[in-house]
Amino acid sequence: MKFTIGENIKKNATKCKSNFSCLSGENGCLCEIEDFAGEKIHFIKPGNAMDTCDYRMGFGYSYLCNCPVRKEIYNQYKV
């Protein structure tokens, strides 16, 4: 399933190294969302593509996703 998000959100993802491959629907490039608090704070599970992602941020024993594109995919599609 391909994902569609607004161009304004893509413009905010200036550190994306994968040319927005997550929008293709391939789950291998999406970090798995473990939990979330509202639409702005998304906790991710270790693993997947997060080793190469500049938007991953350590937070205690967990990680936060700061990617505007990934967060919008989750907020819209719950993936």
Protein backbone atom coordinates (compact mmCIF):
# COMPACT_ATOMS: atom_id res chain seq x y z
CA MET A 1 0.00 0.00 0.00
CA LYS A 2 1.51 3.30 -1.06
CA PHE A 3 1.21 6.22 1.32
CA THR A 4 0.33 9.78 0.40
CA ILE A 5 1.25 12.74 2.57
CA GLY A 6 1.39 16.47 2.05
CA GLU A 7 4.35 18.07 0.30
CA ASN A 8 4.78 20.46 3.24
CA ILE A 9 5.55 17.48 5.51
CA LYS A 10 8.07 16.06 3.05
CA LYS A 11 9.80 19.44 2.89
CA ASN A 12 10.32 19.27 6.66
CA ALA A 13 12.18 15.95 6.36
CA THR A 14 15.47 17.49 5.29
CA LYS A 15 17.62 14.69 6.77
CA CYS A 16 16.01 11.81 4.84
CA LYS A 17 18.76 9.62 3.31
CA SER A 18 16.43 7.17 1.59
CA ASN A 19 14.55 9.51 -0.76
CA PHE A 20 11.25 8.85 1.07
CA SER A 21 11.31 5.11 0.31
CA CYS A 22 8.90 4.64 3.23
CA LEU A 23 6.11 6.12 1.08
CA SER A 24 6.35 3.12 -1.25
CA GLY A 25 4.65 0.93 1.34
CA GLU A 26 7.62 -1.37 1.86
CA ASN A 27 7.54 -2.11 5.58
CA GLY A 28 11.25 -2.97 5.74
CA CYS A 29 12.19 0.69 5.77
CA LEU A 30 9.65 1.73 8.42
CA CYS A 31 10.66 1.71 12.05
CA GLU A 32 7.97 -0.04 14.05
CA ILE A 33 5.98 2.30 16.27
CA GLU A 34 5.81 0.81 19.76
CA ASP A 35 3.70 3.49 21.44
CA PHE A 36 2.66 7.08 20.89
CA ALA A 37 1.48 10.09 22.85
CA GLY A 38 -0.77 12.21 20.71
CA GLU A 39 0.32 12.97 17.17
CA LYS A 40 3.75 14.35 18.02
CA ILE A 41 5.56 11.77 20.17
CA HIS A 42 6.20 8.33 18.68
CA PHE A 43 8.24 5.65 20.44
CA ILE A 44 9.90 3.14 18.13
CA LYS A 45 11.13 -0.40 18.67
CA PRO A 46 14.85 -1.04 18.21
CA GLY A 47 15.75 -2.70 14.92
CA ASN A 48 14.62 -2.36 11.31
CA ALA A 49 16.10 0.60 9.45
CA MET A 50 16.72 2.72 12.50
CA ASP A 51 20.49 2.19 12.45
CA THR A 52 20.74 4.40 9.39
CA CYS A 53 18.06 6.94 10.28
CA ASP A 54 19.05 10.45 11.37
CA TYR A 55 15.63 10.98 12.95
CA ARG A 56 16.06 8.36 15.68
CA MET A 57 16.63 9.83 19.12
CA GLY A 58 17.52 7.93 22.27
CA PHE A 59 15.21 8.52 25.22
CA GLY A 60 16.18 6.55 28.31
CA TYR A 61 15.82 2.88 27.43
CA SER A 62 13.72 3.57 24.36
CA TYR A 63 13.85 5.59 21.16
CA LEU A 64 11.78 8.40 19.72
CA CYS A 65 11.08 9.00 16.05
CA ASN A 66 11.49 12.60 14.96
CA CYS A 67 10.81 12.02 11.27
CA PRO A 68 7.88 14.14 10.13
CA VAL A 69 7.12 11.72 7.28
CA ARG A 70 7.12 8.58 9.44
CA LYS A 71 4.98 10.25 12.09
CA GLU A 72 2.46 11.37 9.47
CA ILE A 73 2.30 7.85 7.99
CA TYR A 74 1.47 6.52 11.43
CA ASN A 75 -1.01 9.29 12.23
CA GLN A 76 -2.90 8.84 8.95
CA TYR A 77 -2.62 5.11 8.30
CA LYS A 78 -1.84 3.59 11.75
CA VAL A 79 1.05 1.66 10.20
